[in-house]
Amino acid sequence: MPQVLKDEIREKIRKAAEEEFYEKGFSKATMRKIAEKANIPAGLIYSYYSSKDALLQAVLQPVIYDWKKVLTSGNQYHEGGGADWLSREERNCLQTLLHDRQAFIIMMDKCRNTKYEEEKERLIEEIENHLNLHKEQISDYDPVYIHIIASNFVDGLLQIMYHYKGEEWAMKLLNKLITAYLQGIGI
């Protein structure tokens, strides 16, 4: 089979898996249903992906980040407003997450019983750690308050992705979210 066809089939399987994981979550998704959505025999999936876990890895690849590295890159002292307040690495990461929002939602909310099950908490923790670097700038600092801010920011980001209406709309809301949750605490 020519390589182009193999690549097309691989991508067709990956897209079908993304759709199935998004609709049902990883635990309830089946390889048979993914094969049906891809319009291929179920056994053919295993020629491309050794397991459902390997298929999940392929689906999530664009949104797998070292959150700490993203948050600590560039200037640690933020200036500007909205998305301009973020480092280039943080902005690039958010743009990728918006572009691949379905995969990000899967990773954050639909990966029970996988190695990504705690990824949302890891992201919240890294945002907390990042904000705690600036605790001397926050009047009346309280670690629980920082946790609430980080948690609400991630939940807000996910809501933007669940209700996505286009890039311009998403960036407008993201700017409001950054201003309210991150700049609004005084750093």
N, C-alpha and C. Protein backbone atom coordinates (compact mmCIF):
# COMPACT_ATOMS: atom_id res chain seq x y z
N MET A 1 0.85 -1.17 0.00
CA MET A 1 0.00 0.00 0.00
C MET A 1 0.89 1.24 0.00
N PRO A 2 0.64 2.19 -0.88
CA PRO A 2 1.46 3.40 -0.91
C PRO A 2 1.43 4.12 0.44
N GLN A 3 2.55 4.79 0.74
CA GLN A 3 2.70 5.48 2.02
C GLN A 3 1.61 6.52 2.26
N VAL A 4 1.18 7.21 1.19
CA VAL A 4 0.15 8.24 1.34
C VAL A 4 -1.13 7.63 1.89
N LEU A 5 -1.52 6.48 1.36
CA LEU A 5 -2.73 5.81 1.85
C LEU A 5 -2.57 5.41 3.31
N LYS A 6 -1.40 4.90 3.67
CA LYS A 6 -1.16 4.52 5.06
C LYS A 6 -1.29 5.73 5.98
N ASP A 7 -0.73 6.85 5.56
CA ASP A 7 -0.83 8.07 6.37
C ASP A 7 -2.27 8.55 6.48
N GLU A 8 -3.01 8.44 5.37
CA GLU A 8 -4.42 8.84 5.39
C GLU A 8 -5.23 7.95 6.33
N ILE A 9 -4.97 6.65 6.30
CA ILE A 9 -5.68 5.73 7.19
C ILE A 9 -5.31 6.00 8.64
N ARG A 10 -4.04 6.20 8.91
CA ARG A 10 -3.58 6.51 10.28
C ARG A 10 -4.31 7.76 10.80
N GLU A 11 -4.38 8.79 9.97
CA GLU A 11 -5.04 10.04 10.39
C GLU A 11 -6.55 9.85 10.54
N LYS A 12 -7.13 9.05 9.68
CA LYS A 12 -8.56 8.75 9.77
C LYS A 12 -8.87 8.05 11.10
N ILE A 13 -8.03 7.12 11.48
CA ILE A 13 -8.19 6.41 12.76
C ILE A 13 -8.01 7.39 13.92
N ARG A 14 -6.99 8.22 13.84
CA ARG A 14 -6.72 9.18 14.92
C ARG A 14 -7.91 10.14 15.11
N LYS A 15 -8.45 10.64 14.01
CA LYS A 15 -9.60 11.56 14.08
C LYS A 15 -10.83 10.86 14.64
N ALA A 16 -11.06 9.62 14.22
CA ALA A 16 -12.20 8.86 14.75
C ALA A 16 -12.04 8.62 16.25
N ALA A 17 -10.82 8.32 16.67
CA ALA A 17 -10.55 8.11 18.09
C ALA A 17 -10.76 9.39 18.88
N GLU A 18 -10.30 10.51 18.34
CA GLU A 18 -10.50 11.80 19.02
C GLU A 18 -11.99 12.07 19.22
N GLU A 19 -12.76 11.82 18.20
CA GLU A 19 -14.21 12.03 18.28
C GLU A 19 -14.83 11.10 19.34
N GLU A 20 -14.43 9.84 19.31
CA GLU A 20 -14.99 8.86 20.26
C GLU A 20 -14.56 9.17 21.70
N PHE A 21 -13.29 9.50 21.91
CA PHE A 21 -12.81 9.85 23.26
C PHE A 21 -13.52 11.10 23.76
N TYR A 22 -13.77 12.05 22.87
CA TYR A 22 -14.45 13.29 23.25
C TYR A 22 -15.90 13.00 23.66
N GLU A 23 -16.56 12.17 22.89
CA GLU A 23 -17.97 11.87 23.16
C GLU A 23 -18.16 10.98 24.38
N LYS A 24 -17.32 9.96 24.53
CA LYS A 24 -17.55 8.94 25.56
C LYS A 24 -16.52 8.92 26.67
N GLY A 25 -15.40 9.59 26.49
CA GLY A 25 -14.30 9.47 27.43
C GLY A 25 -13.48 8.24 27.09
N PHE A 26 -12.24 8.23 27.56
CA PHE A 26 -11.33 7.13 27.22
C PHE A 26 -11.87 5.78 27.70
N SER A 27 -12.34 5.72 28.93
CA SER A 27 -12.75 4.45 29.54
C SER A 27 -13.89 3.77 28.79
N LYS A 28 -14.84 4.55 28.30
CA LYS A 28 -16.01 3.97 27.63
C LYS A 28 -15.85 3.83 26.12
N ALA A 29 -14.81 4.41 25.57
CA ALA A 29 -14.57 4.29 24.13
C ALA A 29 -14.07 2.88 23.82
N THR A 30 -14.48 2.37 22.67
CA THR A 30 -14.02 1.04 22.26
C THR A 30 -13.31 1.13 20.91
N MET A 31 -12.37 0.23 20.73
CA MET A 31 -11.64 0.18 19.45
C MET A 31 -12.61 -0.18 18.32
N ARG A 32 -13.59 -1.02 18.60
CA ARG A 32 -14.55 -1.40 17.57
C ARG A 32 -15.34 -0.18 17.09
N LYS A 33 -15.79 0.66 18.04
CA LYS A 33 -16.54 1.86 17.67
C LYS A 33 -15.65 2.86 16.91
N ILE A 34 -14.40 2.96 17.32
CA ILE A 34 -13.45 3.83 16.62
C ILE A 34 -13.28 3.34 15.18
N ALA A 35 -13.15 2.03 15.00
CA ALA A 35 -13.02 1.45 13.66
C ALA A 35 -14.26 1.75 12.81
N GLU A 36 -15.44 1.62 13.42
CA GLU A 36 -16.68 1.94 12.71
C GLU A 36 -16.67 3.39 12.24
N LYS A 37 -16.29 4.30 13.13
CA LYS A 37 -16.26 5.73 12.77
C LYS A 37 -15.23 6.00 11.67
N ALA A 38 -14.13 5.26 11.69
CA ALA A 38 -13.09 5.42 10.66
C ALA A 38 -13.43 4.66 9.39
N ASN A 39 -14.50 3.85 9.45
CA ASN A 39 -14.94 3.05 8.31
C ASN A 39 -13.86 2.08 7.84
N ILE A 40 -13.27 1.38 8.83
CA ILE A 40 -12.24 0.37 8.54
C ILE A 40 -12.53 -0.87 9.38
N PRO A 41 -11.96 -2.02 9.03
CA PRO A 41 -12.10 -3.20 9.87
C PRO A 41 -11.39 -2.97 11.22
N ALA A 42 -11.99 -3.47 12.29
CA ALA A 42 -11.45 -3.24 13.64
C ALA A 42 -10.00 -3.71 13.76
N GLY A 43 -9.67 -4.84 13.18
CA GLY A 43 -8.32 -5.37 13.29
C GLY A 43 -7.26 -4.48 12.65
N LEU A 44 -7.67 -3.67 11.68
CA LEU A 44 -6.72 -2.82 10.98
C LEU A 44 -6.14 -1.74 11.89
N ILE A 45 -6.90 -1.32 12.89
CA ILE A 45 -6.39 -0.30 13.83
C ILE A 45 -5.06 -0.74 14.41
N TYR A 46 -4.96 -2.02 14.75
CA TYR A 46 -3.76 -2.53 15.43
C TYR A 46 -2.53 -2.56 14.51
N SER A 47 -2.74 -2.41 13.22
CA SER A 47 -1.61 -2.26 12.30
C SER A 47 -0.98 -0.87 12.42
N TYR A 48 -1.75 0.05 12.96
CA TYR A 48 -1.30 1.44 13.09
C TYR A 48 -1.04 1.85 14.54
N TYR A 49 -1.84 1.35 15.45
CA TYR A 49 -1.72 1.69 16.87
C TYR A 49 -1.79 0.40 17.67
N SER A 50 -0.81 0.16 18.51
CA SER A 50 -0.70 -1.11 19.23
C SER A 50 -1.78 -1.30 20.29
N SER A 51 -2.37 -0.21 20.75
CA SER A 51 -3.37 -0.31 21.82
C SER A 51 -4.20 0.96 21.87
N LYS A 52 -5.24 0.92 22.67
CA LYS A 52 -6.07 2.12 22.87
C LYS A 52 -5.24 3.21 23.54
N ASP A 53 -4.32 2.82 24.43
CA ASP A 53 -3.43 3.80 25.07
C ASP A 53 -2.54 4.49 24.05
N ALA A 54 -2.02 3.73 23.09
CA ALA A 54 -1.16 4.32 22.04
C ALA A 54 -1.97 5.28 21.17
N LEU A 55 -3.21 4.94 20.93
CA LEU A 55 -4.10 5.80 20.15
C LEU A 55 -4.40 7.08 20.93
N LEU A 56 -4.62 6.96 22.23
CA LEU A 56 -4.83 8.14 23.07
C LEU A 56 -3.61 9.05 23.01
N GLN A 57 -2.44 8.46 23.09
CA GLN A 57 -1.20 9.23 23.03
C GLN A 57 -1.13 10.02 21.72
N ALA A 58 -1.51 9.40 20.62
CA ALA A 58 -1.49 10.08 19.32
C ALA A 58 -2.50 11.23 19.29
N VAL A 59 -3.66 11.02 19.87
CA VAL A 59 -4.69 12.06 19.92
C VAL A 59 -4.22 13.26 20.75
N LEU A 60 -3.59 12.98 21.88
CA LEU A 60 -3.20 14.04 22.82
C LEU A 60 -1.87 14.70 22.49
N GLN A 61 -1.09 14.11 21.61
CA GLN A 61 0.27 14.61 21.33
C GLN A 61 0.36 16.12 21.14
N PRO A 62 -0.54 16.75 20.39
CA PRO A 62 -0.40 18.20 20.19
C PRO A 62 -0.57 19.04 21.46
N VAL A 63 -1.23 18.49 22.48
CA VAL A 63 -1.52 19.28 23.68
C VAL A 63 -0.76 18.81 24.91
N ILE A 64 0.21 17.93 24.72
CA ILE A 64 1.03 17.47 25.84
C ILE A 64 2.16 18.48 26.04
N TYR A 65 2.15 19.10 27.20
CA TYR A 65 3.14 20.12 27.52
C TYR A 65 3.78 19.83 28.86
N ASP A 66 4.99 20.32 29.00
CA ASP A 66 5.62 20.42 30.32
C ASP A 66 5.15 21.77 30.84
N TRP A 67 4.09 21.75 31.66
CA TRP A 67 3.45 22.98 32.11
C TRP A 67 4.44 23.90 32.82
N LYS A 68 5.31 23.31 33.62
CA LYS A 68 6.28 24.12 34.36
C LYS A 68 7.17 24.89 33.39
N LYS A 69 7.64 24.21 32.35
CA LYS A 69 8.51 24.86 31.36
C LYS A 69 7.77 25.99 30.65
N VAL A 70 6.52 25.76 30.28
CA VAL A 70 5.73 26.80 29.62
C VAL A 70 5.59 28.02 30.52
N LEU A 71 5.28 27.78 31.78
CA LEU A 71 5.00 28.88 32.71
C LEU A 71 6.25 29.61 33.19
N THR A 72 7.40 28.97 33.08
CA THR A 72 8.62 29.63 33.56
C THR A 72 9.49 30.16 32.43
N SER A 73 9.02 30.05 31.20
CA SER A 73 9.80 30.57 30.08
C SER A 73 9.62 32.08 29.98
N GLY A 74 10.59 32.73 29.43
CA GLY A 74 10.47 34.16 29.19
C GLY A 74 10.53 35.00 30.45
N ASN A 75 9.98 36.17 30.36
CA ASN A 75 10.00 37.15 31.44
C ASN A 75 9.08 36.72 32.58
N GLN A 76 9.63 36.59 33.76
CA GLN A 76 8.83 36.20 34.93
C GLN A 76 8.01 37.35 35.49
N TYR A 77 8.35 38.57 35.12
CA TYR A 77 7.59 39.73 35.60
C TYR A 77 6.76 40.24 34.44
N HIS A 78 5.47 40.04 34.57
CA HIS A 78 4.55 40.30 33.47
C HIS A 78 4.20 41.78 33.37
N GLU A 79 4.03 42.21 32.12
CA GLU A 79 3.62 43.57 31.84
C GLU A 79 2.59 43.52 30.72
N GLY A 80 1.87 44.60 30.52
CA GLY A 80 0.88 44.66 29.46
C GLY A 80 -0.47 44.20 29.98
N GLY A 81 -1.41 44.07 29.07
CA GLY A 81 -2.76 43.68 29.44
C GLY A 81 -3.23 42.47 28.67
N GLY A 82 -4.16 41.70 29.24
CA GLY A 82 -4.71 40.53 28.58
C GLY A 82 -3.63 39.55 28.17
N ALA A 83 -3.74 39.03 26.94
CA ALA A 83 -2.78 38.04 26.45
C ALA A 83 -1.37 38.62 26.32
N ASP A 84 -1.26 39.95 26.18
CA ASP A 84 0.07 40.58 26.13
C ASP A 84 0.81 40.41 27.44
N TRP A 85 0.08 40.15 28.50
CA TRP A 85 0.65 39.95 29.83
C TRP A 85 1.42 38.63 29.89
N LEU A 86 1.11 37.71 28.98
CA LEU A 86 1.72 36.38 28.96
C LEU A 86 3.04 36.39 28.19
N SER A 87 3.90 35.42 28.52
CA SER A 87 5.13 35.24 27.74
C SER A 87 4.77 34.68 26.37
N ARG A 88 5.70 34.76 25.44
CA ARG A 88 5.48 34.21 24.10
C ARG A 88 5.17 32.71 24.19
N GLU A 89 5.90 32.00 25.04
CA GLU A 89 5.67 30.56 25.20
C GLU A 89 4.26 30.28 25.73
N GLU A 90 3.81 31.07 26.69
CA GLU A 90 2.46 30.90 27.23
C GLU A 90 1.40 31.19 26.17
N ARG A 91 1.60 32.25 25.39
CA ARG A 91 0.65 32.58 24.31
C ARG A 91 0.62 31.48 23.25
N ASN A 92 1.81 30.99 22.85
CA ASN A 92 1.86 29.91 21.85
C ASN A 92 1.15 28.66 22.36
N CYS A 93 1.38 28.34 23.62
CA CYS A 93 0.73 27.18 24.22
C CYS A 93 -0.79 27.35 24.18
N LEU A 94 -1.30 28.50 24.61
CA LEU A 94 -2.75 28.74 24.61
C LEU A 94 -3.33 28.68 23.20
N GLN A 95 -2.61 29.20 22.21
CA GLN A 95 -3.09 29.14 20.83
C GLN A 95 -3.17 27.69 20.34
N THR A 96 -2.18 26.89 20.71
CA THR A 96 -2.21 25.47 20.34
C THR A 96 -3.37 24.77 21.03
N LEU A 97 -3.56 25.05 22.31
CA LEU A 97 -4.66 24.43 23.05
C LEU A 97 -6.01 24.81 22.45
N LEU A 98 -6.16 26.06 22.04
CA LEU A 98 -7.41 26.48 21.39
C LEU A 98 -7.59 25.77 20.05
N HIS A 99 -6.52 25.67 19.28
CA HIS A 99 -6.59 25.00 17.98
C HIS A 99 -6.95 23.52 18.15
N ASP A 100 -6.34 22.88 19.13
CA ASP A 100 -6.58 21.45 19.39
C ASP A 100 -7.43 21.28 20.65
N ARG A 101 -8.47 22.09 20.74
CA ARG A 101 -9.27 22.15 21.97
C ARG A 101 -9.95 20.83 22.32
N GLN A 102 -10.37 20.08 21.33
CA GLN A 102 -11.03 18.82 21.62
C GLN A 102 -10.05 17.87 22.31
N ALA A 103 -8.82 17.81 21.84
CA ALA A 103 -7.79 16.97 22.47
C ALA A 103 -7.50 17.47 23.89
N PHE A 104 -7.45 18.79 24.07
CA PHE A 104 -7.20 19.35 25.40
C PHE A 104 -8.33 19.00 26.36
N ILE A 105 -9.57 19.09 25.89
CA ILE A 105 -10.72 18.72 26.73
C ILE A 105 -10.63 17.24 27.10
N ILE A 106 -10.26 16.41 26.15
CA ILE A 106 -10.10 14.97 26.44
C ILE A 106 -9.07 14.79 27.55
N MET A 107 -7.93 15.45 27.41
CA MET A 107 -6.86 15.28 28.40
C MET A 107 -7.28 15.79 29.77
N MET A 108 -7.99 16.90 29.82
CA MET A 108 -8.36 17.50 31.11
C MET A 108 -9.55 16.82 31.77
N ASP A 109 -10.54 16.40 30.98
CA ASP A 109 -11.81 15.94 31.55
C ASP A 109 -12.23 14.51 31.20
N LYS A 110 -11.54 13.85 30.28
CA LYS A 110 -12.07 12.57 29.78
C LYS A 110 -11.04 11.45 29.74
N CYS A 111 -10.07 11.52 30.63
CA CYS A 111 -8.99 10.52 30.63
C CYS A 111 -8.94 9.69 31.91
N ARG A 112 -10.09 9.38 32.46
CA ARG A 112 -10.11 8.54 33.65
C ARG A 112 -9.42 7.21 33.36
N ASN A 113 -8.69 6.72 34.33
CA ASN A 113 -7.97 5.45 34.23
C ASN A 113 -6.83 5.47 33.21
N THR A 114 -6.22 6.63 33.03
CA THR A 114 -5.04 6.74 32.17
C THR A 114 -3.96 7.51 32.91
N LYS A 115 -2.79 7.59 32.32
CA LYS A 115 -1.71 8.36 32.95
C LYS A 115 -2.00 9.85 32.92
N TYR A 116 -3.01 10.28 32.19
CA TYR A 116 -3.38 11.69 32.12
C TYR A 116 -4.52 12.05 33.07
N GLU A 117 -4.95 11.10 33.85
CA GLU A 117 -6.09 11.30 34.75
C GLU A 117 -5.93 12.52 35.66
N GLU A 118 -4.72 12.80 36.09
CA GLU A 118 -4.46 13.92 37.01
C GLU A 118 -3.86 15.15 36.30
N GLU A 119 -3.94 15.19 34.98
CA GLU A 119 -3.30 16.28 34.24
C GLU A 119 -3.89 17.64 34.57
N LYS A 120 -5.19 17.70 34.76
CA LYS A 120 -5.82 18.98 35.12
C LYS A 120 -5.27 19.48 36.45
N GLU A 121 -5.15 18.60 37.42
CA GLU A 121 -4.60 18.99 38.73
C GLU A 121 -3.14 19.40 38.61
N ARG A 122 -2.39 18.72 37.73
CA ARG A 122 -0.98 19.11 37.52
C ARG A 122 -0.88 20.52 36.94
N LEU A 123 -1.76 20.82 35.99
CA LEU A 123 -1.76 22.16 35.41
C LEU A 123 -2.12 23.21 36.46
N ILE A 124 -3.14 22.94 37.24
CA ILE A 124 -3.54 23.87 38.31
C ILE A 124 -2.38 24.07 39.28
N GLU A 125 -1.73 22.99 39.66
CA GLU A 125 -0.60 23.08 40.60
C GLU A 125 0.54 23.92 40.03
N GLU A 126 0.84 23.75 38.74
CA GLU A 126 1.93 24.53 38.13
C GLU A 126 1.56 26.01 38.03
N ILE A 127 0.30 26.31 37.77
CA ILE A 127 -0.13 27.72 37.76
C ILE A 127 -0.01 28.29 39.17
N GLU A 128 -0.43 27.50 40.17
CA GLU A 128 -0.26 27.93 41.57
C GLU A 128 1.20 28.22 41.89
N ASN A 129 2.08 27.29 41.53
CA ASN A 129 3.51 27.46 41.78
C ASN A 129 4.03 28.73 41.11
N HIS A 130 3.58 28.96 39.89
CA HIS A 130 4.00 30.15 39.15
C HIS A 130 3.51 31.43 39.85
N LEU A 131 2.25 31.43 40.25
CA LEU A 131 1.71 32.61 40.94
C LEU A 131 2.39 32.82 42.29
N ASN A 132 2.75 31.73 42.94
CA ASN A 132 3.42 31.84 44.24
C ASN A 132 4.80 32.47 44.14
N LEU A 133 5.40 32.45 42.94
CA LEU A 133 6.68 33.14 42.75
C LEU A 133 6.52 34.64 42.97
N HIS A 134 5.30 35.12 42.85
CA HIS A 134 5.02 36.55 42.95
C HIS A 134 4.23 36.89 44.21
N LYS A 135 4.26 36.02 45.20
CA LYS A 135 3.40 36.23 46.37
C LYS A 135 3.70 37.52 47.12
N GLU A 136 4.94 38.00 47.04
CA GLU A 136 5.26 39.25 47.74
C GLU A 136 4.56 40.45 47.10
N GLN A 137 4.09 40.30 45.87
CA GLN A 137 3.38 41.38 45.18
C GLN A 137 1.87 41.35 45.45
N ILE A 138 1.41 40.30 46.11
CA ILE A 138 -0.02 40.13 46.34
C ILE A 138 -0.34 40.56 47.77
N SER A 139 -1.16 41.60 47.89
CA SER A 139 -1.52 42.04 49.24
C SER A 139 -2.45 41.00 49.86
N ASP A 140 -2.29 40.77 51.13
CA ASP A 140 -3.11 39.80 51.86
C ASP A 140 -3.00 38.39 51.25
N TYR A 141 -1.79 37.98 50.91
CA TYR A 141 -1.52 36.68 50.29
C TYR A 141 -2.09 35.54 51.11
N ASP A 142 -2.74 34.59 50.43
CA ASP A 142 -3.26 33.38 51.06
C ASP A 142 -3.13 32.25 50.04
N PRO A 143 -2.47 31.14 50.38
CA PRO A 143 -2.27 30.05 49.42
C PRO A 143 -3.58 29.43 48.92
N VAL A 144 -4.60 29.42 49.75
CA VAL A 144 -5.90 28.87 49.31
C VAL A 144 -6.49 29.77 48.23
N TYR A 145 -6.35 31.06 48.41
CA TYR A 145 -6.82 32.02 47.40
C TYR A 145 -6.11 31.78 46.07
N ILE A 146 -4.81 31.56 46.11
CA ILE A 146 -4.03 31.28 44.90
C ILE A 146 -4.53 29.99 44.24
N HIS A 147 -4.83 28.98 45.04
CA HIS A 147 -5.37 27.73 44.50
C HIS A 147 -6.71 27.99 43.81
N ILE A 148 -7.56 28.78 44.44
CA ILE A 148 -8.87 29.10 43.85
C ILE A 148 -8.68 29.82 42.52
N ILE A 149 -7.77 30.78 42.47
CA ILE A 149 -7.51 31.53 41.24
C ILE A 149 -7.03 30.58 40.13
N ALA A 150 -6.06 29.73 40.44
CA ALA A 150 -5.52 28.80 39.44
C ALA A 150 -6.59 27.83 38.96
N SER A 151 -7.36 27.29 39.89
CA SER A 151 -8.42 26.34 39.55
C SER A 151 -9.50 27.00 38.69
N ASN A 152 -9.92 28.19 39.08
CA ASN A 152 -10.94 28.90 38.30
C ASN A 152 -10.43 29.29 36.92
N PHE A 153 -9.15 29.64 36.82
CA PHE A 153 -8.59 29.98 35.52
C PHE A 153 -8.64 28.77 34.58
N VAL A 154 -8.23 27.61 35.07
CA VAL A 154 -8.25 26.40 34.23
C VAL A 154 -9.69 26.04 33.86
N ASP A 155 -10.61 26.12 34.82
CA ASP A 155 -12.02 25.85 34.50
C ASP A 155 -12.56 26.84 33.48
N GLY A 156 -12.18 28.10 33.60
CA GLY A 156 -12.60 29.11 32.63
C GLY A 156 -12.04 28.82 31.24
N LEU A 157 -10.79 28.42 31.19
CA LEU A 157 -10.16 28.05 29.93
C LEU A 157 -10.91 26.89 29.28
N LEU A 158 -11.26 25.90 30.07
CA LEU A 158 -12.01 24.76 29.54
C LEU A 158 -13.40 25.18 29.06
N GLN A 159 -14.05 26.08 29.77
CA GLN A 159 -15.37 26.55 29.33
C GLN A 159 -15.28 27.27 27.99
N ILE A 160 -14.22 28.03 27.79
CA ILE A 160 -14.01 28.68 26.49
C ILE A 160 -13.91 27.61 25.40
N MET A 161 -13.23 26.52 25.70
CA MET A 161 -13.05 25.46 24.72
C MET A 161 -14.34 24.67 24.47
N TYR A 162 -15.08 24.40 25.53
CA TYR A 162 -16.35 23.68 25.37
C TYR A 162 -17.35 24.49 24.55
N HIS A 163 -17.34 25.80 24.69
CA HIS A 163 -18.33 26.66 24.04
C HIS A 163 -17.74 27.46 22.88
N TYR A 164 -16.67 26.98 22.32
CA TYR A 164 -15.88 27.68 21.29
C TYR A 164 -16.77 28.22 20.16
N LYS A 165 -16.58 29.51 19.84
CA LYS A 165 -17.34 30.16 18.76
C LYS A 165 -16.42 30.82 17.74
N GLY A 166 -15.16 30.46 17.76
CA GLY A 166 -14.21 31.05 16.83
C GLY A 166 -13.03 31.66 17.56
N GLU A 167 -11.93 31.83 16.82
CA GLU A 167 -10.69 32.29 17.44
C GLU A 167 -10.81 33.70 18.03
N GLU A 168 -11.43 34.61 17.28
CA GLU A 168 -11.56 35.99 17.77
C GLU A 168 -12.36 36.02 19.08
N TRP A 169 -13.47 35.31 19.10
CA TRP A 169 -14.31 35.22 20.30
C TRP A 169 -13.51 34.62 21.46
N ALA A 170 -12.80 33.54 21.19
CA ALA A 170 -12.03 32.85 22.24
C ALA A 170 -10.94 33.76 22.80
N MET A 171 -10.24 34.48 21.93
CA MET A 171 -9.17 35.36 22.40
C MET A 171 -9.73 36.52 23.21
N LYS A 172 -10.90 37.02 22.83
CA LYS A 172 -11.54 38.09 23.60
C LYS A 172 -11.86 37.60 25.01
N LEU A 173 -12.46 36.42 25.11
CA LEU A 173 -12.78 35.86 26.43
C LEU A 173 -11.52 35.52 27.21
N LEU A 174 -10.52 35.00 26.51
CA LEU A 174 -9.27 34.65 27.17
C LEU A 174 -8.60 35.90 27.75
N ASN A 175 -8.64 36.99 27.02
CA ASN A 175 -8.10 38.25 27.54
C ASN A 175 -8.84 38.68 28.80
N LYS A 176 -10.16 38.53 28.80
CA LYS A 176 -10.94 38.88 30.00
C LYS A 176 -10.57 37.96 31.16
N LEU A 177 -10.40 36.69 30.87
CA LEU A 177 -10.05 35.71 31.90
C LEU A 177 -8.68 36.03 32.50
N ILE A 178 -7.72 36.32 31.65
CA ILE A 178 -6.37 36.65 32.13
C ILE A 178 -6.41 37.92 32.98
N THR A 179 -7.14 38.91 32.50
CA THR A 179 -7.24 40.17 33.24
C THR A 179 -7.89 39.95 34.60
N ALA A 180 -8.99 39.20 34.63
CA ALA A 180 -9.72 39.00 35.88
C ALA A 180 -8.98 38.10 36.86
N TYR A 181 -8.48 36.97 36.37
CA TYR A 181 -7.93 35.97 37.29
C TYR A 181 -6.44 36.12 37.55
N LEU A 182 -5.68 36.55 36.58
CA LEU A 182 -4.24 36.60 36.79
C LEU A 182 -3.75 38.01 37.09
N GLN A 183 -4.10 38.96 36.23
CA GLN A 183 -3.68 40.33 36.51
C GLN A 183 -4.45 40.90 37.70
N GLY A 184 -5.69 40.49 37.84
CA GLY A 184 -6.55 41.04 38.89
C GLY A 184 -6.09 40.76 40.31
N ILE A 185 -5.16 39.82 40.48
CA ILE A 185 -4.69 39.54 41.84
C ILE A 185 -3.49 40.38 42.21
N GLY A 186 -3.08 41.24 41.30
CA GLY A 186 -2.05 42.21 41.65
C GLY A 186 -0.62 41.86 41.30
N ILE A 187 -0.41 40.97 40.32
CA ILE A 187 0.98 40.69 39.92
C ILE A 187 1.24 41.16 38.52
